[in-house]
Amino acid sequence: MKKKIIFFDGDGTLWYPKKTKFTQPPWWIYKEHKEFHQHKKHLMIIPHVISTLKKLRAKGIITIILSTHPHPPKESAIEINNKVTHFKIEKLFDEVHATRPYLKSKGEFIIKILKRRNIPKSKALMIGDSYEWDYSPAKKAGIDALLIESPYMNTHPAANRIKKTIKKISDILKYV
């Protein structure tokens, strides 16, 4: 079934650390570079993200960022919006949300957004790089999910439950 709305994780899905790219989980950068609002200088947009987002927009697909941040809600929203602006991708998204730092948060956001937009779960797709924070919460909420292949994707004990993966972000075009 073709999708109407796609939810994207931020770190490791749309951008990643210049130094390690997909070789390590991207959150190491926040521990090493603790200065608030300075992380973006250590990040780069992942290849094919902009062209893929433009193709999705041309097809009329709703695109939403759901990125988990451990800061208080206001600071988290500022941080994620600063990254989106830094990469000049704000016009490629309908909504940008900083989700809370607990595992069910993305699933809760997805359900609220789908209800508000009156879109059935079957028309939604979540794209991420973390089984625990992206793939599993979407699946538990009844949403289809794809995980971007990386050396760290199999580090979670339940990673054998991953059913759908993609090699690069542009592979999502096959699902819309």
N, C-alpha and C. Protein backbone atom coordinates (compact mmCIF):
# COMPACT_ATOMS: atom_id res chain seq x y z
N MET A 1 0.84 -1.19 0.00
CA MET A 1 0.00 0.00 0.00
C MET A 1 0.88 1.25 0.00
N LYS A 2 0.54 2.18 -0.83
CA LYS A 2 1.33 3.41 -0.94
C LYS A 2 1.12 4.29 0.30
N LYS A 3 2.15 5.02 0.66
CA LYS A 3 2.13 5.83 1.87
C LYS A 3 1.77 7.28 1.57
N LYS A 4 1.10 7.92 2.54
CA LYS A 4 0.72 9.34 2.43
C LYS A 4 1.59 10.22 3.31
N ILE A 5 2.15 9.60 4.36
CA ILE A 5 2.91 10.37 5.34
C ILE A 5 4.13 9.56 5.76
N ILE A 6 5.28 10.24 5.83
CA ILE A 6 6.52 9.58 6.25
C ILE A 6 7.13 10.37 7.40
N PHE A 7 7.44 9.63 8.45
CA PHE A 7 8.09 10.19 9.63
C PHE A 7 9.57 9.84 9.56
N PHE A 8 10.42 10.82 9.82
CA PHE A 8 11.87 10.63 9.76
C PHE A 8 12.48 10.93 11.12
N ASP A 9 13.40 10.08 11.54
CA ASP A 9 14.29 10.40 12.64
C ASP A 9 15.28 11.43 12.11
N GLY A 10 15.95 12.16 12.99
CA GLY A 10 16.95 13.14 12.57
C GLY A 10 18.36 12.55 12.55
N ASP A 11 18.95 12.40 13.74
CA ASP A 11 20.33 11.91 13.86
C ASP A 11 20.46 10.49 13.32
N GLY A 12 21.38 10.31 12.37
CA GLY A 12 21.62 9.00 11.80
C GLY A 12 20.70 8.65 10.65
N THR A 13 19.67 9.46 10.42
CA THR A 13 18.72 9.20 9.34
C THR A 13 18.77 10.31 8.29
N LEU A 14 18.74 11.57 8.74
CA LEU A 14 18.81 12.71 7.84
C LEU A 14 20.21 13.34 7.85
N TRP A 15 20.85 13.31 8.99
CA TRP A 15 22.22 13.83 9.14
C TRP A 15 23.00 12.90 10.06
N TYR A 16 24.32 12.96 9.97
CA TYR A 16 25.17 12.17 10.85
C TYR A 16 26.49 12.88 11.08
N PRO A 17 27.27 12.43 12.08
CA PRO A 17 28.57 13.05 12.34
C PRO A 17 29.51 12.88 11.15
N LYS A 18 30.17 13.96 10.77
CA LYS A 18 31.12 13.92 9.64
C LYS A 18 32.21 12.88 9.89
N LYS A 19 32.64 12.80 11.13
CA LYS A 19 33.79 11.96 11.48
C LYS A 19 33.49 10.46 11.38
N THR A 20 32.30 10.03 11.78
CA THR A 20 32.03 8.59 11.83
C THR A 20 30.93 8.12 10.89
N LYS A 21 30.14 9.02 10.35
CA LYS A 21 29.04 8.69 9.44
C LYS A 21 28.22 7.53 10.01
N PHE A 22 28.03 6.44 9.24
CA PHE A 22 27.21 5.31 9.72
C PHE A 22 28.00 4.26 10.50
N THR A 23 29.27 4.51 10.81
CA THR A 23 30.07 3.47 11.47
C THR A 23 29.78 3.33 12.96
N GLN A 24 29.22 4.38 13.58
CA GLN A 24 28.87 4.36 15.01
C GLN A 24 27.52 5.03 15.18
N PRO A 25 26.80 4.68 16.27
CA PRO A 25 25.56 5.42 16.54
C PRO A 25 25.89 6.91 16.67
N PRO A 26 25.06 7.79 16.11
CA PRO A 26 25.41 9.20 16.03
C PRO A 26 25.39 9.96 17.36
N TRP A 27 24.78 9.40 18.38
CA TRP A 27 24.64 10.19 19.61
C TRP A 27 25.94 10.40 20.38
N TRP A 28 27.03 9.74 19.99
CA TRP A 28 28.31 9.98 20.64
C TRP A 28 28.70 11.45 20.56
N ILE A 29 28.27 12.09 19.48
CA ILE A 29 28.67 13.48 19.24
C ILE A 29 28.17 14.42 20.34
N TYR A 30 27.03 14.11 20.95
CA TYR A 30 26.47 14.97 21.98
C TYR A 30 27.19 14.80 23.31
N LYS A 31 27.82 13.67 23.50
CA LYS A 31 28.62 13.46 24.71
C LYS A 31 29.99 14.12 24.56
N GLU A 32 30.56 14.03 23.36
CA GLU A 32 31.89 14.60 23.12
C GLU A 32 31.84 16.11 22.97
N HIS A 33 30.81 16.62 22.31
CA HIS A 33 30.68 18.05 22.06
C HIS A 33 29.46 18.56 22.82
N LYS A 34 29.65 18.89 24.07
CA LYS A 34 28.53 19.22 24.95
C LYS A 34 27.96 20.62 24.78
N GLU A 35 28.66 21.49 24.09
CA GLU A 35 28.19 22.87 23.96
C GLU A 35 26.87 22.92 23.20
N PHE A 36 25.88 23.56 23.80
CA PHE A 36 24.53 23.65 23.22
C PHE A 36 24.58 24.44 21.91
N HIS A 37 23.88 24.00 20.92
CA HIS A 37 23.79 24.62 19.59
C HIS A 37 25.07 24.51 18.77
N GLN A 38 26.08 23.82 19.25
CA GLN A 38 27.33 23.73 18.50
C GLN A 38 27.50 22.40 17.77
N HIS A 39 26.57 21.48 17.99
CA HIS A 39 26.69 20.16 17.38
C HIS A 39 26.65 20.21 15.86
N LYS A 40 25.87 21.13 15.31
CA LYS A 40 25.65 21.12 13.87
C LYS A 40 26.93 21.30 13.06
N LYS A 41 27.95 21.95 13.62
CA LYS A 41 29.20 22.10 12.87
C LYS A 41 29.94 20.77 12.73
N HIS A 42 29.54 19.76 13.52
CA HIS A 42 30.16 18.44 13.44
C HIS A 42 29.30 17.46 12.64
N LEU A 43 28.18 17.95 12.11
CA LEU A 43 27.25 17.09 11.40
C LEU A 43 27.22 17.41 9.91
N MET A 44 26.79 16.44 9.12
CA MET A 44 26.59 16.67 7.69
C MET A 44 25.29 15.99 7.27
N ILE A 45 24.67 16.53 6.25
CA ILE A 45 23.46 15.92 5.70
C ILE A 45 23.88 14.62 5.01
N ILE A 46 23.08 13.61 5.12
CA ILE A 46 23.39 12.31 4.52
C ILE A 46 23.14 12.39 3.01
N PRO A 47 24.02 11.77 2.22
CA PRO A 47 23.82 11.80 0.76
C PRO A 47 22.42 11.32 0.36
N HIS A 48 21.87 11.95 -0.65
CA HIS A 48 20.56 11.65 -1.25
C HIS A 48 19.36 12.12 -0.41
N VAL A 49 19.58 12.68 0.77
CA VAL A 49 18.45 13.12 1.60
C VAL A 49 17.66 14.21 0.88
N ILE A 50 18.33 15.27 0.44
CA ILE A 50 17.61 16.40 -0.16
C ILE A 50 16.88 15.98 -1.43
N SER A 51 17.53 15.26 -2.31
CA SER A 51 16.87 14.85 -3.56
C SER A 51 15.70 13.91 -3.27
N THR A 52 15.84 13.04 -2.29
CA THR A 52 14.74 12.13 -1.94
C THR A 52 13.57 12.90 -1.35
N LEU A 53 13.85 13.85 -0.47
CA LEU A 53 12.78 14.66 0.12
C LEU A 53 12.05 15.47 -0.94
N LYS A 54 12.79 16.01 -1.90
CA LYS A 54 12.16 16.77 -2.98
C LYS A 54 11.23 15.88 -3.81
N LYS A 55 11.64 14.65 -4.07
CA LYS A 55 10.80 13.72 -4.82
C LYS A 55 9.54 13.36 -4.03
N LEU A 56 9.69 13.17 -2.73
CA LEU A 56 8.53 12.87 -1.89
C LEU A 56 7.54 14.04 -1.89
N ARG A 57 8.06 15.25 -1.77
CA ARG A 57 7.22 16.45 -1.78
C ARG A 57 6.49 16.58 -3.12
N ALA A 58 7.19 16.29 -4.22
CA ALA A 58 6.58 16.37 -5.55
C ALA A 58 5.43 15.37 -5.69
N LYS A 59 5.50 14.27 -4.95
CA LYS A 59 4.43 13.27 -4.97
C LYS A 59 3.30 13.62 -3.99
N GLY A 60 3.45 14.73 -3.27
CA GLY A 60 2.42 15.14 -2.32
C GLY A 60 2.44 14.41 -1.00
N ILE A 61 3.56 13.77 -0.69
CA ILE A 61 3.68 13.01 0.57
C ILE A 61 4.03 13.97 1.71
N ILE A 62 3.34 13.80 2.81
CA ILE A 62 3.58 14.60 4.01
C ILE A 62 4.86 14.07 4.67
N THR A 63 5.77 14.95 5.01
CA THR A 63 7.03 14.56 5.63
C THR A 63 7.17 15.26 6.98
N ILE A 64 7.54 14.47 7.99
CA ILE A 64 7.61 14.97 9.36
C ILE A 64 8.86 14.43 10.04
N ILE A 65 9.57 15.30 10.74
CA ILE A 65 10.73 14.88 11.54
C ILE A 65 10.27 14.63 12.97
N LEU A 66 10.69 13.48 13.50
CA LEU A 66 10.51 13.14 14.91
C LEU A 66 11.88 12.74 15.43
N SER A 67 12.52 13.64 16.15
CA SER A 67 13.88 13.39 16.62
C SER A 67 13.92 13.50 18.14
N THR A 68 14.42 12.47 18.79
CA THR A 68 14.46 12.43 20.26
C THR A 68 15.59 13.31 20.78
N HIS A 69 15.27 14.10 21.79
CA HIS A 69 16.26 14.96 22.45
C HIS A 69 16.08 14.89 23.96
N PRO A 70 17.18 14.82 24.70
CA PRO A 70 17.09 14.71 26.16
C PRO A 70 16.89 16.03 26.90
N HIS A 71 17.01 17.16 26.20
CA HIS A 71 16.84 18.45 26.85
C HIS A 71 15.38 18.70 27.19
N PRO A 72 15.07 19.71 28.00
CA PRO A 72 13.67 20.09 28.23
C PRO A 72 13.00 20.43 26.89
N PRO A 73 11.67 20.30 26.82
CA PRO A 73 10.96 20.45 25.53
C PRO A 73 11.29 21.70 24.72
N LYS A 74 11.34 22.87 25.35
CA LYS A 74 11.63 24.10 24.59
C LYS A 74 13.03 24.07 23.99
N GLU A 75 14.01 23.69 24.79
CA GLU A 75 15.39 23.60 24.30
C GLU A 75 15.51 22.56 23.18
N SER A 76 14.82 21.44 23.35
CA SER A 76 14.85 20.37 22.34
C SER A 76 14.28 20.86 21.03
N ALA A 77 13.17 21.58 21.09
CA ALA A 77 12.54 22.11 19.87
C ALA A 77 13.48 23.10 19.17
N ILE A 78 14.14 23.95 19.95
CA ILE A 78 15.09 24.91 19.39
C ILE A 78 16.24 24.16 18.72
N GLU A 79 16.77 23.15 19.40
CA GLU A 79 17.91 22.38 18.88
C GLU A 79 17.57 21.71 17.55
N ILE A 80 16.45 21.02 17.48
CA ILE A 80 16.09 20.31 16.24
C ILE A 80 15.80 21.31 15.12
N ASN A 81 15.11 22.39 15.43
CA ASN A 81 14.82 23.40 14.40
C ASN A 81 16.08 24.09 13.91
N ASN A 82 17.06 24.28 14.78
CA ASN A 82 18.35 24.85 14.37
C ASN A 82 19.06 23.94 13.36
N LYS A 83 18.98 22.64 13.59
CA LYS A 83 19.61 21.70 12.65
C LYS A 83 18.89 21.73 11.31
N VAL A 84 17.58 21.73 11.34
CA VAL A 84 16.79 21.76 10.10
C VAL A 84 17.11 23.02 9.30
N THR A 85 17.20 24.16 9.98
CA THR A 85 17.54 25.42 9.32
C THR A 85 18.98 25.40 8.81
N HIS A 86 19.89 24.89 9.63
CA HIS A 86 21.30 24.80 9.24
C HIS A 86 21.47 24.02 7.93
N PHE A 87 20.73 22.93 7.78
CA PHE A 87 20.83 22.11 6.57
C PHE A 87 19.92 22.60 5.44
N LYS A 88 19.20 23.69 5.70
CA LYS A 88 18.32 24.32 4.70
C LYS A 88 17.28 23.33 4.16
N ILE A 89 16.67 22.57 5.08
CA ILE A 89 15.67 21.59 4.68
C ILE A 89 14.29 21.88 5.28
N GLU A 90 14.13 23.06 5.86
CA GLU A 90 12.87 23.40 6.52
C GLU A 90 11.68 23.37 5.57
N LYS A 91 11.88 23.73 4.32
CA LYS A 91 10.77 23.74 3.35
C LYS A 91 10.41 22.34 2.86
N LEU A 92 11.21 21.36 3.23
CA LEU A 92 10.97 19.98 2.81
C LEU A 92 10.18 19.18 3.84
N PHE A 93 9.78 19.84 4.93
CA PHE A 93 9.03 19.16 5.99
C PHE A 93 7.77 19.94 6.35
N ASP A 94 6.71 19.19 6.61
CA ASP A 94 5.44 19.78 7.03
C ASP A 94 5.46 20.09 8.53
N GLU A 95 6.15 19.26 9.29
CA GLU A 95 6.24 19.44 10.74
C GLU A 95 7.59 18.94 11.21
N VAL A 96 8.06 19.54 12.31
CA VAL A 96 9.30 19.11 12.95
C VAL A 96 9.02 19.04 14.45
N HIS A 97 9.31 17.87 15.04
CA HIS A 97 9.04 17.68 16.47
C HIS A 97 10.25 17.07 17.17
N ALA A 98 10.53 17.56 18.36
CA ALA A 98 11.52 16.95 19.24
C ALA A 98 10.74 16.05 20.19
N THR A 99 10.93 14.74 20.04
CA THR A 99 10.22 13.80 20.91
C THR A 99 10.95 13.67 22.23
N ARG A 100 10.27 13.13 23.19
CA ARG A 100 10.82 13.02 24.54
C ARG A 100 11.74 11.80 24.66
N PRO A 101 12.65 11.81 25.63
CA PRO A 101 13.64 10.73 25.74
C PRO A 101 13.14 9.48 26.48
N TYR A 102 12.03 8.92 26.00
CA TYR A 102 11.60 7.60 26.46
C TYR A 102 11.11 6.85 25.23
N LEU A 103 11.21 5.53 25.26
CA LEU A 103 11.06 4.72 24.05
C LEU A 103 9.71 4.80 23.34
N LYS A 104 8.62 5.04 24.04
CA LYS A 104 7.31 5.08 23.41
C LYS A 104 6.97 6.45 22.82
N SER A 105 7.80 7.44 23.05
CA SER A 105 7.48 8.81 22.66
C SER A 105 7.21 8.97 21.16
N LYS A 106 8.06 8.41 20.31
CA LYS A 106 7.83 8.57 18.86
C LYS A 106 6.52 7.93 18.44
N GLY A 107 6.21 6.78 18.98
CA GLY A 107 4.94 6.13 18.67
C GLY A 107 3.75 6.98 19.09
N GLU A 108 3.86 7.61 20.26
CA GLU A 108 2.79 8.49 20.74
C GLU A 108 2.63 9.70 19.82
N PHE A 109 3.73 10.29 19.41
CA PHE A 109 3.68 11.43 18.49
C PHE A 109 3.04 11.01 17.17
N ILE A 110 3.45 9.87 16.64
CA ILE A 110 2.90 9.39 15.37
C ILE A 110 1.39 9.25 15.46
N ILE A 111 0.91 8.60 16.50
CA ILE A 111 -0.54 8.37 16.65
C ILE A 111 -1.29 9.70 16.74
N LYS A 112 -0.78 10.64 17.52
CA LYS A 112 -1.43 11.97 17.64
C LYS A 112 -1.48 12.68 16.29
N ILE A 113 -0.39 12.65 15.56
CA ILE A 113 -0.32 13.34 14.27
C ILE A 113 -1.27 12.68 13.27
N LEU A 114 -1.29 11.36 13.23
CA LEU A 114 -2.20 10.66 12.31
C LEU A 114 -3.66 10.98 12.64
N LYS A 115 -4.01 10.99 13.91
CA LYS A 115 -5.39 11.33 14.31
C LYS A 115 -5.73 12.76 13.90
N ARG A 116 -4.82 13.68 14.19
CA ARG A 116 -5.06 15.09 13.86
C ARG A 116 -5.22 15.29 12.36
N ARG A 117 -4.47 14.54 11.57
CA ARG A 117 -4.53 14.68 10.11
C ARG A 117 -5.51 13.70 9.46
N ASN A 118 -6.15 12.88 10.29
CA ASN A 118 -7.14 11.91 9.80
C ASN A 118 -6.54 10.98 8.73
N ILE A 119 -5.36 10.43 9.03
CA ILE A 119 -4.66 9.52 8.14
C ILE A 119 -4.61 8.14 8.82
N PRO A 120 -5.01 7.08 8.12
CA PRO A 120 -4.95 5.75 8.72
C PRO A 120 -3.50 5.28 8.92
N LYS A 121 -3.30 4.44 9.91
CA LYS A 121 -1.96 3.90 10.19
C LYS A 121 -1.34 3.23 8.98
N SER A 122 -2.17 2.59 8.17
CA SER A 122 -1.67 1.85 7.01
C SER A 122 -1.03 2.75 5.96
N LYS A 123 -1.27 4.05 6.05
CA LYS A 123 -0.71 5.00 5.07
C LYS A 123 0.54 5.71 5.60
N ALA A 124 1.02 5.26 6.78
CA ALA A 124 2.17 5.91 7.42
C ALA A 124 3.41 5.02 7.37
N LEU A 125 4.57 5.65 7.40
CA LEU A 125 5.85 4.96 7.38
C LEU A 125 6.84 5.73 8.26
N MET A 126 7.61 5.00 9.07
CA MET A 126 8.66 5.59 9.90
C MET A 126 10.00 5.15 9.36
N ILE A 127 10.93 6.10 9.20
CA ILE A 127 12.29 5.81 8.74
C ILE A 127 13.26 6.19 9.85
N GLY A 128 14.15 5.28 10.21
CA GLY A 128 15.12 5.59 11.25
C GLY A 128 16.36 4.73 11.14
N ASP A 129 17.27 4.95 12.09
CA ASP A 129 18.52 4.19 12.11
C ASP A 129 18.68 3.37 13.39
N SER A 130 17.73 3.50 14.33
CA SER A 130 17.84 2.80 15.60
C SER A 130 16.65 1.87 15.80
N TYR A 131 16.93 0.60 16.05
CA TYR A 131 15.85 -0.35 16.32
C TYR A 131 15.05 0.12 17.53
N GLU A 132 15.76 0.42 18.59
CA GLU A 132 15.13 0.73 19.88
C GLU A 132 14.34 2.04 19.87
N TRP A 133 14.87 3.08 19.23
CA TRP A 133 14.27 4.41 19.30
C TRP A 133 13.38 4.77 18.11
N ASP A 134 13.53 4.08 16.99
CA ASP A 134 12.77 4.42 15.78
C ASP A 134 11.87 3.26 15.31
N TYR A 135 12.49 2.15 14.99
CA TYR A 135 11.79 1.02 14.39
C TYR A 135 10.75 0.42 15.36
N SER A 136 11.20 0.02 16.54
CA SER A 136 10.32 -0.65 17.50
C SER A 136 9.14 0.22 17.95
N PRO A 137 9.34 1.50 18.30
CA PRO A 137 8.19 2.31 18.71
C PRO A 137 7.14 2.45 17.61
N ALA A 138 7.58 2.56 16.37
CA ALA A 138 6.63 2.66 15.25
C ALA A 138 5.86 1.35 15.11
N LYS A 139 6.57 0.23 15.12
CA LYS A 139 5.92 -1.07 14.97
C LYS A 139 4.92 -1.31 16.11
N LYS A 140 5.30 -0.94 17.33
CA LYS A 140 4.40 -1.12 18.49
C LYS A 140 3.16 -0.25 18.37
N ALA A 141 3.27 0.87 17.65
CA ALA A 141 2.12 1.75 17.43
C ALA A 141 1.30 1.31 16.21
N GLY A 142 1.73 0.23 15.55
CA GLY A 142 1.01 -0.27 14.39
C GLY A 142 1.37 0.40 13.08
N ILE A 143 2.57 0.99 13.03
CA ILE A 143 3.03 1.73 11.85
C ILE A 143 4.13 0.94 11.15
N ASP A 144 4.12 0.93 9.84
CA ASP A 144 5.18 0.31 9.06
C ASP A 144 6.48 1.09 9.29
N ALA A 145 7.61 0.38 9.31
CA ALA A 145 8.89 1.04 9.58
C ALA A 145 9.99 0.42 8.73
N LEU A 146 10.96 1.26 8.41
CA LEU A 146 12.17 0.84 7.70
C LEU A 146 13.38 1.30 8.51
N LEU A 147 14.38 0.45 8.58
CA LEU A 147 15.61 0.79 9.29
C LEU A 147 16.74 0.91 8.27
N ILE A 148 17.49 1.99 8.36
CA ILE A 148 18.65 2.18 7.49
C ILE A 148 19.76 1.25 7.97
N GLU A 149 20.31 0.49 7.06
CA GLU A 149 21.36 -0.47 7.41
C GLU A 149 22.62 0.26 7.85
N SER A 150 23.19 -0.23 8.95
CA SER A 150 24.43 0.33 9.48
C SER A 150 25.13 -0.75 10.31
N PRO A 151 26.42 -0.58 10.59
CA PRO A 151 27.12 -1.56 11.43
C PRO A 151 26.52 -1.66 12.84
N TYR A 152 25.87 -0.61 13.32
CA TYR A 152 25.33 -0.64 14.68
C TYR A 152 23.86 -1.06 14.76
N MET A 153 23.22 -1.33 13.64
CA MET A 153 21.79 -1.65 13.69
C MET A 153 21.50 -2.98 14.38
N ASN A 154 22.45 -3.87 14.41
CA ASN A 154 22.22 -5.18 15.04
C ASN A 154 22.72 -5.25 16.47
N THR A 155 23.02 -4.12 17.09
CA THR A 155 23.55 -4.13 18.45
C THR A 155 22.47 -4.33 19.51
N HIS A 156 21.21 -4.12 19.18
CA HIS A 156 20.13 -4.33 20.15
C HIS A 156 19.80 -5.81 20.22
N PRO A 157 19.54 -6.35 21.42
CA PRO A 157 19.25 -7.79 21.55
C PRO A 157 18.05 -8.26 20.71
N ALA A 158 17.09 -7.39 20.46
CA ALA A 158 15.91 -7.77 19.68
C ALA A 158 16.04 -7.42 18.20
N ALA A 159 17.23 -7.09 17.75
CA ALA A 159 17.43 -6.65 16.37
C ALA A 159 17.04 -7.72 15.35
N ASN A 160 16.98 -8.97 15.78
CA ASN A 160 16.56 -10.03 14.85
C ASN A 160 15.10 -9.88 14.44
N ARG A 161 14.38 -8.98 15.08
CA ARG A 161 12.98 -8.71 14.73
C ARG A 161 12.84 -7.71 13.57
N ILE A 162 13.95 -7.17 13.11
CA ILE A 162 13.92 -6.20 12.02
C ILE A 162 13.51 -6.93 10.74
N LYS A 163 12.42 -6.49 10.16
CA LYS A 163 11.91 -7.14 8.95
C LYS A 163 12.24 -6.36 7.68
N LYS A 164 12.30 -5.05 7.77
CA LYS A 164 12.53 -4.24 6.57
C LYS A 164 13.68 -3.27 6.79
N THR A 165 14.64 -3.32 5.88
CA THR A 165 15.77 -2.39 5.94
C THR A 165 15.97 -1.77 4.56
N ILE A 166 16.67 -0.65 4.57
CA ILE A 166 17.06 -0.01 3.32
C ILE A 166 18.56 0.29 3.40
N LYS A 167 19.21 0.30 2.26
CA LYS A 167 20.65 0.58 2.23
C LYS A 167 20.94 2.07 2.22
N LYS A 168 20.07 2.84 1.56
CA LYS A 168 20.25 4.30 1.51
C LYS A 168 18.87 4.95 1.53
N ILE A 169 18.85 6.20 1.88
CA ILE A 169 17.58 6.92 2.09
C ILE A 169 16.70 6.93 0.84
N SER A 170 17.29 6.99 -0.33
CA SER A 170 16.50 7.04 -1.56
C SER A 170 15.72 5.74 -1.80
N ASP A 171 16.08 4.66 -1.12
CA ASP A 171 15.35 3.39 -1.25
C ASP A 171 13.90 3.50 -0.76
N ILE A 172 13.59 4.53 0.02
CA ILE A 172 12.20 4.67 0.49
C ILE A 172 11.24 4.99 -0.65
N LEU A 173 11.76 5.47 -1.75
CA LEU A 173 10.90 5.80 -2.90
C LEU A 173 10.16 4.57 -3.42
N LYS A 174 10.67 3.38 -3.15
CA LYS A 174 9.99 2.15 -3.56
C LYS A 174 8.71 1.90 -2.76
N TYR A 175 8.58 2.56 -1.62
CA TYR A 175 7.45 2.33 -0.71
C TYR A 175 6.36 3.39 -0.85
N VAL A 176 6.54 4.34 -1.73
CA VAL A 176 5.54 5.40 -1.86
C VAL A 176 4.95 5.41 -3.27
